[in-house]
Amino acid sequence: MRDLAPAHAAKLTKDWFTKKQLEVLAWPANSPDLNVIENLWAVVKRKIRDRKPTTLDQLKQNIATAWEAVSAETCDKLVKSMPRRLQAVIQAKGAATKY
């Protein structure tokens, strides 16, 4: 599966799938993103939002510090939320949910 991101729709990418004889499944452009890493990125973004780094090194340090501050408990909660999130998508018939 792939979404309609430009890199996924590029001729080079399409040619690669054809050459490898891989079937690409349809993936609606507005489908819910159920990848837990997206939620984890949101947690990290909230942790660094107010730091306002002025150099690339400061930004890298802020990101590293934020990642280190993410607890195993936070990751566990995100993974355990999957059944609820999937059920919400099913109930919404694939439309957007609060997740």
PDB file of N, CA and C in Angstrom:
ATOM      1  N   MET A   1       0.837  -1.177   0.000  1.00  0.00           N
ATOM      2  CA  MET A   1       0.000   0.000   0.000  1.00  0.00           C
ATOM      3  C   MET A   1       0.879   1.237   0.000  1.00  0.00           C
ATOM      4  N   ARG A   2       0.403   2.259  -0.624  1.00  0.00           N
ATOM      5  CA  ARG A   2       1.099   3.533  -0.588  1.00  0.00           C
ATOM      6  C   ARG A   2       0.067   4.626  -0.758  1.00  0.00           C
ATOM      7  N   ASP A   3       0.348   5.772  -0.173  1.00  0.00           N
ATOM      8  CA  ASP A   3      -0.581   6.883  -0.315  1.00  0.00           C
ATOM      9  C   ASP A   3      -0.214   7.678  -1.567  1.00  0.00           C
ATOM     10  N   LEU A   4      -0.812   8.825  -1.738  1.00  0.00           N
ATOM     11  CA  LEU A   4      -0.577   9.596  -2.949  1.00  0.00           C
ATOM     12  C   LEU A   4       0.501  10.657  -2.769  1.00  0.00           C
ATOM     13  N   ALA A   5       1.410  10.449  -1.854  1.00  0.00           N
ATOM     14  CA  ALA A   5       2.528  11.380  -1.679  1.00  0.00           C
ATOM     15  C   ALA A   5       3.319  11.430  -2.984  1.00  0.00           C
ATOM     16  N   PRO A   6       3.838  12.605  -3.341  1.00  0.00           N
ATOM     17  CA  PRO A   6       4.559  12.734  -4.615  1.00  0.00           C
ATOM     18  C   PRO A   6       5.652  11.687  -4.827  1.00  0.00           C
ATOM     19  N   ALA A   7       6.393  11.361  -3.783  1.00  0.00           N
ATOM     20  CA  ALA A   7       7.465  10.366  -3.927  1.00  0.00           C
ATOM     21  C   ALA A   7       6.899   8.990  -4.269  1.00  0.00           C
ATOM     22  N   HIS A   8       5.694   8.708  -3.792  1.00  0.00           N
ATOM     23  CA  HIS A   8       5.090   7.407  -4.059  1.00  0.00           C
ATOM     24  C   HIS A   8       4.458   7.349  -5.446  1.00  0.00           C
ATOM     25  N   ALA A   9       4.132   8.512  -6.011  1.00  0.00           N
ATOM     26  CA  ALA A   9       3.475   8.566  -7.317  1.00  0.00           C
ATOM     27  C   ALA A   9       4.460   8.872  -8.444  1.00  0.00           C
ATOM     28  N   ALA A  10       5.736   9.018  -8.121  1.00  0.00           N
ATOM     29  CA  ALA A  10       6.740   9.350  -9.129  1.00  0.00           C
ATOM     30  C   ALA A  10       6.883   8.209 -10.131  1.00  0.00           C
ATOM     31  N   LYS A  11       7.228   8.562 -11.361  1.00  0.00           N
ATOM     32  CA  LYS A  11       7.403   7.572 -12.422  1.00  0.00           C
ATOM     33  C   LYS A  11       8.454   6.532 -12.027  1.00  0.00           C
ATOM     34  N   LEU A  12       9.539   6.971 -11.427  1.00  0.00           N
ATOM     35  CA  LEU A  12      10.596   6.056 -11.007  1.00  0.00           C
ATOM     36  C   LEU A  12      10.053   5.016 -10.021  1.00  0.00           C
ATOM     37  N   THR A  13       9.240   5.468  -9.086  1.00  0.00           N
ATOM     38  CA  THR A  13       8.653   4.566  -8.093  1.00  0.00           C
ATOM     39  C   THR A  13       7.696   3.589  -8.762  1.00  0.00           C
ATOM     40  N   LYS A  14       6.839   4.101  -9.632  1.00  0.00           N
ATOM     41  CA  LYS A  14       5.892   3.233 -10.333  1.00  0.00           C
ATOM     42  C   LYS A  14       6.626   2.196 -11.177  1.00  0.00           C
ATOM     43  N   ASP A  15       7.680   2.636 -11.860  1.00  0.00           N
ATOM     44  CA  ASP A  15       8.473   1.711 -12.672  1.00  0.00           C
ATOM     45  C   ASP A  15       9.103   0.613 -11.824  1.00  0.00           C
ATOM     46  N   TRP A  16       9.570   0.975 -10.621  1.00  0.00           N
ATOM     47  CA  TRP A  16      10.192  -0.004  -9.730  1.00  0.00           C
ATOM     48  C   TRP A  16       9.177  -1.074  -9.337  1.00  0.00           C
ATOM     49  N   PHE A  17       7.953  -0.651  -8.971  1.00  0.00           N
ATOM     50  CA  PHE A  17       6.916  -1.615  -8.605  1.00  0.00           C
ATOM     51  C   PHE A  17       6.592  -2.532  -9.791  1.00  0.00           C
ATOM     52  N   THR A  18       6.521  -1.956 -10.981  1.00  0.00           N
ATOM     53  CA  THR A  18       6.234  -2.749 -12.177  1.00  0.00           C
ATOM     54  C   THR A  18       7.351  -3.752 -12.431  1.00  0.00           C
ATOM     55  N   LYS A  19       8.590  -3.291 -12.367  1.00  0.00           N
ATOM     56  CA  LYS A  19       9.750  -4.155 -12.607  1.00  0.00           C
ATOM     57  C   LYS A  19       9.788  -5.321 -11.608  1.00  0.00           C
ATOM     58  N   LYS A  20       9.449  -5.039 -10.361  1.00  0.00           N
ATOM     59  CA  LYS A  20       9.462  -6.073  -9.318  1.00  0.00           C
ATOM     60  C   LYS A  20       8.191  -6.912  -9.315  1.00  0.00           C
ATOM     61  N   GLN A  21       7.261  -6.565 -10.213  1.00  0.00           N
ATOM     62  CA  GLN A  21       5.979  -7.249 -10.322  1.00  0.00           C
ATOM     63  C   GLN A  21       5.230  -7.273  -8.998  1.00  0.00           C
ATOM     64  N   LEU A  22       5.206  -6.110  -8.347  1.00  0.00           N
ATOM     65  CA  LEU A  22       4.511  -5.962  -7.076  1.00  0.00           C
ATOM     66  C   LEU A  22       3.177  -5.255  -7.307  1.00  0.00           C
ATOM     67  N   GLU A  23       2.150  -5.825  -6.760  1.00  0.00           N
ATOM     68  CA  GLU A  23       0.830  -5.212  -6.864  1.00  0.00           C
ATOM     69  C   GLU A  23       0.705  -4.124  -5.797  1.00  0.00           C
ATOM     70  N   VAL A  24       0.255  -2.974  -6.219  1.00  0.00           N
ATOM     71  CA  VAL A  24       0.054  -1.874  -5.282  1.00  0.00           C
ATOM     72  C   VAL A  24      -1.427  -1.793  -4.961  1.00  0.00           C
ATOM     73  N   LEU A  25      -1.759  -1.891  -3.693  1.00  0.00           N
ATOM     74  CA  LEU A  25      -3.151  -1.823  -3.269  1.00  0.00           C
ATOM     75  C   LEU A  25      -3.634  -0.379  -3.247  1.00  0.00           C
ATOM     76  N   ALA A  26      -4.900  -0.197  -3.525  1.00  0.00           N
ATOM     77  CA  ALA A  26      -5.488   1.143  -3.469  1.00  0.00           C
ATOM     78  C   ALA A  26      -5.456   1.651  -2.033  1.00  0.00           C
ATOM     79  N   TRP A  27      -5.160   2.908  -1.878  1.00  0.00           N
ATOM     80  CA  TRP A  27      -5.079   3.518  -0.558  1.00  0.00           C
ATOM     81  C   TRP A  27      -5.674   4.908  -0.672  1.00  0.00           C
ATOM     82  N   PRO A  28      -6.867   5.122  -0.140  1.00  0.00           N
ATOM     83  CA  PRO A  28      -7.522   6.423  -0.289  1.00  0.00           C
ATOM     84  C   PRO A  28      -6.675   7.564   0.272  1.00  0.00           C
ATOM     85  N   ALA A  29      -6.684   8.681  -0.417  1.00  0.00           N
ATOM     86  CA  ALA A  29      -5.865   9.829  -0.025  1.00  0.00           C
ATOM     87  C   ALA A  29      -6.225  10.351   1.358  1.00  0.00           C
ATOM     88  N   ASN A  30      -7.462  10.261   1.748  1.00  0.00           N
ATOM     89  CA  ASN A  30      -7.893  10.806   3.042  1.00  0.00           C
ATOM     90  C   ASN A  30      -8.121   9.732   4.094  1.00  0.00           C
ATOM     91  N   SER A  31      -7.501   8.599   3.921  1.00  0.00           N
ATOM     92  CA  SER A  31      -7.695   7.520   4.883  1.00  0.00           C
ATOM     93  C   SER A  31      -7.027   7.859   6.211  1.00  0.00           C
ATOM     94  N   PRO A  32      -7.567   7.351   7.315  1.00  0.00           N
ATOM     95  CA  PRO A  32      -6.974   7.629   8.625  1.00  0.00           C
ATOM     96  C   PRO A  32      -5.573   7.037   8.722  1.00  0.00           C
ATOM     97  N   ASP A  33      -4.672   7.764   9.343  1.00  0.00           N
ATOM     98  CA  ASP A  33      -3.319   7.266   9.545  1.00  0.00           C
ATOM     99  C   ASP A  33      -3.291   6.558  10.893  1.00  0.00           C
ATOM    100  N   LEU A  34      -3.200   5.251  10.862  1.00  0.00           N
ATOM    101  CA  LEU A  34      -3.231   4.470  12.093  1.00  0.00           C
ATOM    102  C   LEU A  34      -1.845   4.082  12.582  1.00  0.00           C
ATOM    103  N   ASN A  35      -0.819   4.620  11.968  1.00  0.00           N
ATOM    104  CA  ASN A  35       0.537   4.298  12.370  1.00  0.00           C
ATOM    105  C   ASN A  35       0.840   4.955  13.720  1.00  0.00           C
ATOM    106  N   VAL A  36       1.167   4.152  14.705  1.00  0.00           N
ATOM    107  CA  VAL A  36       1.428   4.640  16.056  1.00  0.00           C
ATOM    108  C   VAL A  36       2.570   5.661  16.089  1.00  0.00           C
ATOM    109  N   ILE A  37       3.516   5.538  15.171  1.00  0.00           N
ATOM    110  CA  ILE A  37       4.650   6.470  15.179  1.00  0.00           C
ATOM    111  C   ILE A  37       4.183   7.906  14.956  1.00  0.00           C
ATOM    112  N   GLU A  38       3.086   8.094  14.218  1.00  0.00           N
ATOM    113  CA  GLU A  38       2.561   9.451  14.010  1.00  0.00           C
ATOM    114  C   GLU A  38       2.135  10.066  15.340  1.00  0.00           C
ATOM    115  N   ASN A  39       1.508   9.266  16.185  1.00  0.00           N
ATOM    116  CA  ASN A  39       1.118   9.753  17.502  1.00  0.00           C
ATOM    117  C   ASN A  39       2.335  10.023  18.377  1.00  0.00           C
ATOM    118  N   LEU A  40       3.342   9.185  18.235  1.00  0.00           N
ATOM    119  CA  LEU A  40       4.564   9.378  19.008  1.00  0.00           C
ATOM    120  C   LEU A  40       5.274  10.659  18.574  1.00  0.00           C
ATOM    121  N   TRP A  41       5.282  10.920  17.257  1.00  0.00           N
ATOM    122  CA  TRP A  41       5.860  12.176  16.774  1.00  0.00           C
ATOM    123  C   TRP A  41       5.118  13.371  17.368  1.00  0.00           C
ATOM    124  N   ALA A  42       3.807  13.272  17.496  1.00  0.00           N
ATOM    125  CA  ALA A  42       3.024  14.367  18.080  1.00  0.00           C
ATOM    126  C   ALA A  42       3.438  14.607  19.530  1.00  0.00           C
ATOM    127  N   VAL A  43       3.690  13.544  20.270  1.00  0.00           N
ATOM    128  CA  VAL A  43       4.161  13.669  21.655  1.00  0.00           C
ATOM    129  C   VAL A  43       5.494  14.416  21.680  1.00  0.00           C
ATOM    130  N   VAL A  44       6.409  14.020  20.813  1.00  0.00           N
ATOM    131  CA  VAL A  44       7.732  14.660  20.755  1.00  0.00           C
ATOM    132  C   VAL A  44       7.595  16.124  20.369  1.00  0.00           C
ATOM    133  N   LYS A  45       6.756  16.414  19.385  1.00  0.00           N
ATOM    134  CA  LYS A  45       6.560  17.809  18.960  1.00  0.00           C
ATOM    135  C   LYS A  45       6.062  18.678  20.114  1.00  0.00           C
ATOM    136  N   ARG A  46       5.123  18.139  20.891  1.00  0.00           N
ATOM    137  CA  ARG A  46       4.614  18.913  22.045  1.00  0.00           C
ATOM    138  C   ARG A  46       5.735  19.191  23.042  1.00  0.00           C
ATOM    139  N   LYS A  47       6.643  18.242  23.206  1.00  0.00           N
ATOM    140  CA  LYS A  47       7.736  18.421  24.161  1.00  0.00           C
ATOM    141  C   LYS A  47       8.736  19.493  23.713  1.00  0.00           C
ATOM    142  N   ILE A  48       8.877  19.707  22.403  1.00  0.00           N
ATOM    143  CA  ILE A  48       9.871  20.677  21.924  1.00  0.00           C
ATOM    144  C   ILE A  48       9.248  21.984  21.424  1.00  0.00           C
ATOM    145  N   ARG A  49       7.925  22.076  21.417  1.00  0.00           N
ATOM    146  CA  ARG A  49       7.218  23.215  20.823  1.00  0.00           C
ATOM    147  C   ARG A  49       7.706  24.578  21.317  1.00  0.00           C
ATOM    148  N   ASP A  50       7.891  24.741  22.587  1.00  0.00           N
ATOM    149  CA  ASP A  50       8.209  26.062  23.148  1.00  0.00           C
ATOM    150  C   ASP A  50       9.701  26.355  23.284  1.00  0.00           C
ATOM    151  N   ARG A  51      10.544  25.457  22.876  1.00  0.00           N
ATOM    152  CA  ARG A  51      11.991  25.654  23.061  1.00  0.00           C
ATOM    153  C   ARG A  51      12.600  26.625  22.063  1.00  0.00           C
ATOM    154  N   LYS A  52      12.051  26.726  20.881  1.00  0.00           N
ATOM    155  CA  LYS A  52      12.467  27.675  19.845  1.00  0.00           C
ATOM    156  C   LYS A  52      13.987  27.694  19.610  1.00  0.00           C
ATOM    157  N   PRO A  53      14.534  26.618  19.108  1.00  0.00           N
ATOM    158  CA  PRO A  53      15.976  26.594  18.836  1.00  0.00           C
ATOM    159  C   PRO A  53      16.332  27.579  17.730  1.00  0.00           C
ATOM    160  N   THR A  54      17.538  28.094  17.793  1.00  0.00           N
ATOM    161  CA  THR A  54      17.989  29.061  16.775  1.00  0.00           C
ATOM    162  C   THR A  54      19.085  28.491  15.879  1.00  0.00           C
ATOM    163  N   THR A  55      19.588  27.314  16.209  1.00  0.00           N
ATOM    164  CA  THR A  55      20.605  26.674  15.366  1.00  0.00           C
ATOM    165  C   THR A  55      20.198  25.228  15.120  1.00  0.00           C
ATOM    166  N   LEU A  56      20.784  24.642  14.091  1.00  0.00           N
ATOM    167  CA  LEU A  56      20.508  23.239  13.783  1.00  0.00           C
ATOM    168  C   LEU A  56      20.949  22.343  14.935  1.00  0.00           C
ATOM    169  N   ASP A  57      22.084  22.648  15.548  1.00  0.00           N
ATOM    170  CA  ASP A  57      22.565  21.843  16.678  1.00  0.00           C
ATOM    171  C   ASP A  57      21.590  21.899  17.853  1.00  0.00           C
ATOM    172  N   GLN A  58      21.034  23.076  18.116  1.00  0.00           N
ATOM    173  CA  GLN A  58      20.052  23.207  19.206  1.00  0.00           C
ATOM    174  C   GLN A  58      18.799  22.384  18.885  1.00  0.00           C
ATOM    175  N   LEU A  59      18.363  22.434  17.638  1.00  0.00           N
ATOM    176  CA  LEU A  59      17.187  21.666  17.233  1.00  0.00           C
ATOM    177  C   LEU A  59      17.445  20.172  17.422  1.00  0.00           C
ATOM    178  N   LYS A  60      18.604  19.711  16.958  1.00  0.00           N
ATOM    179  CA  LYS A  60      18.947  18.292  17.121  1.00  0.00           C
ATOM    180  C   LYS A  60      18.976  17.889  18.589  1.00  0.00           C
ATOM    181  N   GLN A  61      19.544  18.740  19.420  1.00  0.00           N
ATOM    182  CA  GLN A  61      19.601  18.438  20.854  1.00  0.00           C
ATOM    183  C   GLN A  61      18.209  18.415  21.472  1.00  0.00           C
ATOM    184  N   ASN A  62      17.366  19.364  21.090  1.00  0.00           N
ATOM    185  CA  ASN A  62      15.994  19.408  21.607  1.00  0.00           C
ATOM    186  C   ASN A  62      15.218  18.157  21.216  1.00  0.00           C
ATOM    187  N   ILE A  63      15.398  17.713  19.972  1.00  0.00           N
ATOM    188  CA  ILE A  63      14.709  16.506  19.512  1.00  0.00           C
ATOM    189  C   ILE A  63      15.213  15.287  20.286  1.00  0.00           C
ATOM    190  N   ALA A  64      16.525  15.179  20.439  1.00  0.00           N
ATOM    191  CA  ALA A  64      17.096  14.041  21.166  1.00  0.00           C
ATOM    192  C   ALA A  64      16.607  14.022  22.613  1.00  0.00           C
ATOM    193  N   THR A  65      16.578  15.189  23.235  1.00  0.00           N
ATOM    194  CA  THR A  65      16.110  15.283  24.627  1.00  0.00           C
ATOM    195  C   THR A  65      14.635  14.892  24.730  1.00  0.00           C
ATOM    196  N   ALA A  66      13.840  15.357  23.779  1.00  0.00           N
ATOM    197  CA  ALA A  66      12.415  15.031  23.788  1.00  0.00           C
ATOM    198  C   ALA A  66      12.193  13.530  23.603  1.00  0.00           C
ATOM    199  N   TRP A  67      12.934  12.908  22.686  1.00  0.00           N
ATOM    200  CA  TRP A  67      12.800  11.462  22.477  1.00  0.00           C
ATOM    201  C   TRP A  67      13.188  10.694  23.732  1.00  0.00           C
ATOM    202  N   GLU A  68      14.266  11.132  24.379  1.00  0.00           N
ATOM    203  CA  GLU A  68      14.711  10.453  25.598  1.00  0.00           C
ATOM    204  C   GLU A  68      13.684  10.567  26.714  1.00  0.00           C
ATOM    205  N   ALA A  69      12.883  11.633  26.681  1.00  0.00           N
ATOM    206  CA  ALA A  69      11.881  11.868  27.720  1.00  0.00           C
ATOM    207  C   ALA A  69      10.605  11.054  27.504  1.00  0.00           C
ATOM    208  N   VAL A  70      10.462  10.441  26.343  1.00  0.00           N
ATOM    209  CA  VAL A  70       9.277   9.613  26.090  1.00  0.00           C
ATOM    210  C   VAL A  70       9.418   8.324  26.884  1.00  0.00           C
ATOM    211  N   SER A  71       8.435   8.069  27.700  1.00  0.00           N
ATOM    212  CA  SER A  71       8.515   6.893  28.563  1.00  0.00           C
ATOM    213  C   SER A  71       8.031   5.635  27.859  1.00  0.00           C
ATOM    214  N   ALA A  72       8.461   4.515  28.382  1.00  0.00           N
ATOM    215  CA  ALA A  72       7.983   3.227  27.874  1.00  0.00           C
ATOM    216  C   ALA A  72       6.471   3.134  28.085  1.00  0.00           C
ATOM    217  N   GLU A  73       5.992   3.731  29.151  1.00  0.00           N
ATOM    218  CA  GLU A  73       4.559   3.726  29.441  1.00  0.00           C
ATOM    219  C   GLU A  73       3.774   4.446  28.337  1.00  0.00           C
ATOM    220  N   THR A  74       4.307   5.565  27.855  1.00  0.00           N
ATOM    221  CA  THR A  74       3.658   6.297  26.765  1.00  0.00           C
ATOM    222  C   THR A  74       3.575   5.422  25.523  1.00  0.00           C
ATOM    223  N   CYS A  75       4.663   4.766  25.184  1.00  0.00           N
ATOM    224  CA  CYS A  75       4.679   3.875  24.018  1.00  0.00           C
ATOM    225  C   CYS A  75       3.684   2.737  24.204  1.00  0.00           C
ATOM    226  N   ASP A  76       3.659   2.166  25.382  1.00  0.00           N
ATOM    227  CA  ASP A  76       2.747   1.065  25.679  1.00  0.00           C
ATOM    228  C   ASP A  76       1.290   1.505  25.525  1.00  0.00           C
ATOM    229  N   LYS A  77       0.971   2.702  26.025  1.00  0.00           N
ATOM    230  CA  LYS A  77      -0.404   3.213  25.904  1.00  0.00           C
ATOM    231  C   LYS A  77      -0.793   3.401  24.444  1.00  0.00           C
ATOM    232  N   LEU A  78       0.131   3.900  23.642  1.00  0.00           N
ATOM    233  CA  LEU A  78      -0.167   4.097  22.227  1.00  0.00           C
ATOM    234  C   LEU A  78      -0.446   2.763  21.537  1.00  0.00           C
ATOM    235  N   VAL A  79       0.378   1.772  21.812  1.00  0.00           N
ATOM    236  CA  VAL A  79       0.180   0.459  21.196  1.00  0.00           C
ATOM    237  C   VAL A  79      -1.143  -0.149  21.669  1.00  0.00           C
ATOM    238  N   LYS A  80      -1.422  -0.040  22.954  1.00  0.00           N
ATOM    239  CA  LYS A  80      -2.663  -0.611  23.491  1.00  0.00           C
ATOM    240  C   LYS A  80      -3.904   0.131  23.015  1.00  0.00           C
ATOM    241  N   SER A  81      -3.735   1.330  22.476  1.00  0.00           N
ATOM    242  CA  SER A  81      -4.884   2.085  21.972  1.00  0.00           C
ATOM    243  C   SER A  81      -5.341   1.587  20.599  1.00  0.00           C
ATOM    244  N   MET A  82      -4.554   0.744  19.953  1.00  0.00           N
ATOM    245  CA  MET A  82      -4.866   0.313  18.592  1.00  0.00           C
ATOM    246  C   MET A  82      -6.247  -0.324  18.446  1.00  0.00           C
ATOM    247  N   PRO A  83      -6.653  -1.253  19.308  1.00  0.00           N
ATOM    248  CA  PRO A  83      -8.005  -1.820  19.122  1.00  0.00           C
ATOM    249  C   PRO A  83      -9.102  -0.747  19.157  1.00  0.00           C
ATOM    250  N   ARG A  84      -8.998   0.205  20.062  1.00  0.00           N
ATOM    251  CA  ARG A  84      -9.994   1.289  20.127  1.00  0.00           C
ATOM    252  C   ARG A  84      -9.959   2.133  18.864  1.00  0.00           C
ATOM    253  N   ARG A  85      -8.750   2.426  18.401  1.00  0.00           N
ATOM    254  CA  ARG A  85      -8.598   3.261  17.216  1.00  0.00           C
ATOM    255  C   ARG A  85      -9.140   2.547  15.977  1.00  0.00           C
ATOM    256  N   LEU A  86      -8.843   1.276  15.848  1.00  0.00           N
ATOM    257  CA  LEU A  86      -9.368   0.508  14.723  1.00  0.00           C
ATOM    258  C   LEU A  86     -10.892   0.445  14.755  1.00  0.00           C
ATOM    259  N   GLN A  87     -11.442   0.230  15.945  1.00  0.00           N
ATOM    260  CA  GLN A  87     -12.905   0.189  16.080  1.00  0.00           C
ATOM    261  C   GLN A  87     -13.527   1.526  15.701  1.00  0.00           C
ATOM    262  N   ALA A  88     -12.884   2.621  16.077  1.00  0.00           N
ATOM    263  CA  ALA A  88     -13.396   3.956  15.725  1.00  0.00           C
ATOM    264  C   ALA A  88     -13.409   4.150  14.213  1.00  0.00           C
ATOM    265  N   VAL A  89     -12.367   3.684  13.533  1.00  0.00           N
ATOM    266  CA  VAL A  89     -12.307   3.800  12.071  1.00  0.00           C
ATOM    267  C   VAL A  89     -13.393   2.937  11.431  1.00  0.00           C
ATOM    268  N   ILE A  90     -13.595   1.742  11.959  1.00  0.00           N
ATOM    269  CA  ILE A  90     -14.641   0.859  11.439  1.00  0.00           C
ATOM    270  C   ILE A  90     -16.007   1.515  11.607  1.00  0.00           C
ATOM    271  N   GLN A  91     -16.264   2.059  12.796  1.00  0.00           N
ATOM    272  CA  GLN A  91     -17.547   2.716  13.045  1.00  0.00           C
ATOM    273  C   GLN A  91     -17.743   3.943  12.161  1.00  0.00           C
ATOM    274  N   ALA A  92     -16.634   4.638  11.862  1.00  0.00           N
ATOM    275  CA  ALA A  92     -16.715   5.828  11.007  1.00  0.00           C
ATOM    276  C   ALA A  92     -16.679   5.459   9.524  1.00  0.00           C
ATOM    277  N   LYS A  93     -16.669   4.154   9.233  1.00  0.00           N
ATOM    278  CA  LYS A  93     -16.626   3.652   7.861  1.00  0.00           C
ATOM    279  C   LYS A  93     -15.455   4.252   7.074  1.00  0.00           C
ATOM    280  N   GLY A  94     -14.306   4.337   7.760  1.00  0.00           N
ATOM    281  CA  GLY A  94     -13.085   4.820   7.111  1.00  0.00           C
ATOM    282  C   GLY A  94     -12.897   6.312   7.156  1.00  0.00           C
ATOM    283  N   ALA A  95     -13.875   7.031   7.648  1.00  0.00           N
ATOM    284  CA  ALA A  95     -13.754   8.498   7.720  1.00  0.00           C
ATOM    285  C   ALA A  95     -12.876   8.886   8.911  1.00  0.00           C
ATOM    286  N   ALA A  96     -12.628  10.166   9.043  1.00  0.00           N
ATOM    287  CA  ALA A  96     -11.771  10.677  10.123  1.00  0.00           C
ATOM    288  C   ALA A  96     -12.361  10.347  11.498  1.00  0.00           C
ATOM    289  N   THR A  97     -11.478  10.168  12.445  1.00  0.00           N
ATOM    290  CA  THR A  97     -11.876   9.931  13.831  1.00  0.00           C
ATOM    291  C   THR A  97     -11.138  10.912  14.717  1.00  0.00           C
ATOM    292  N   LYS A  98     -11.421  10.888  16.008  1.00  0.00           N
ATOM    293  CA  LYS A  98     -10.721  11.795  16.926  1.00  0.00           C
ATOM    294  C   LYS A  98      -9.269  11.380  17.140  1.00  0.00           C
ATOM    295  N   TYR A  99      -8.904  10.177  16.728  1.00  0.00           N
ATOM    296  CA  TYR A  99      -7.538   9.714  16.864  1.00  0.00           C
ATOM    297  C   TYR A  99      -6.747  10.306  15.760  1.00  0.00           C
TER     298      TYR A  99
END
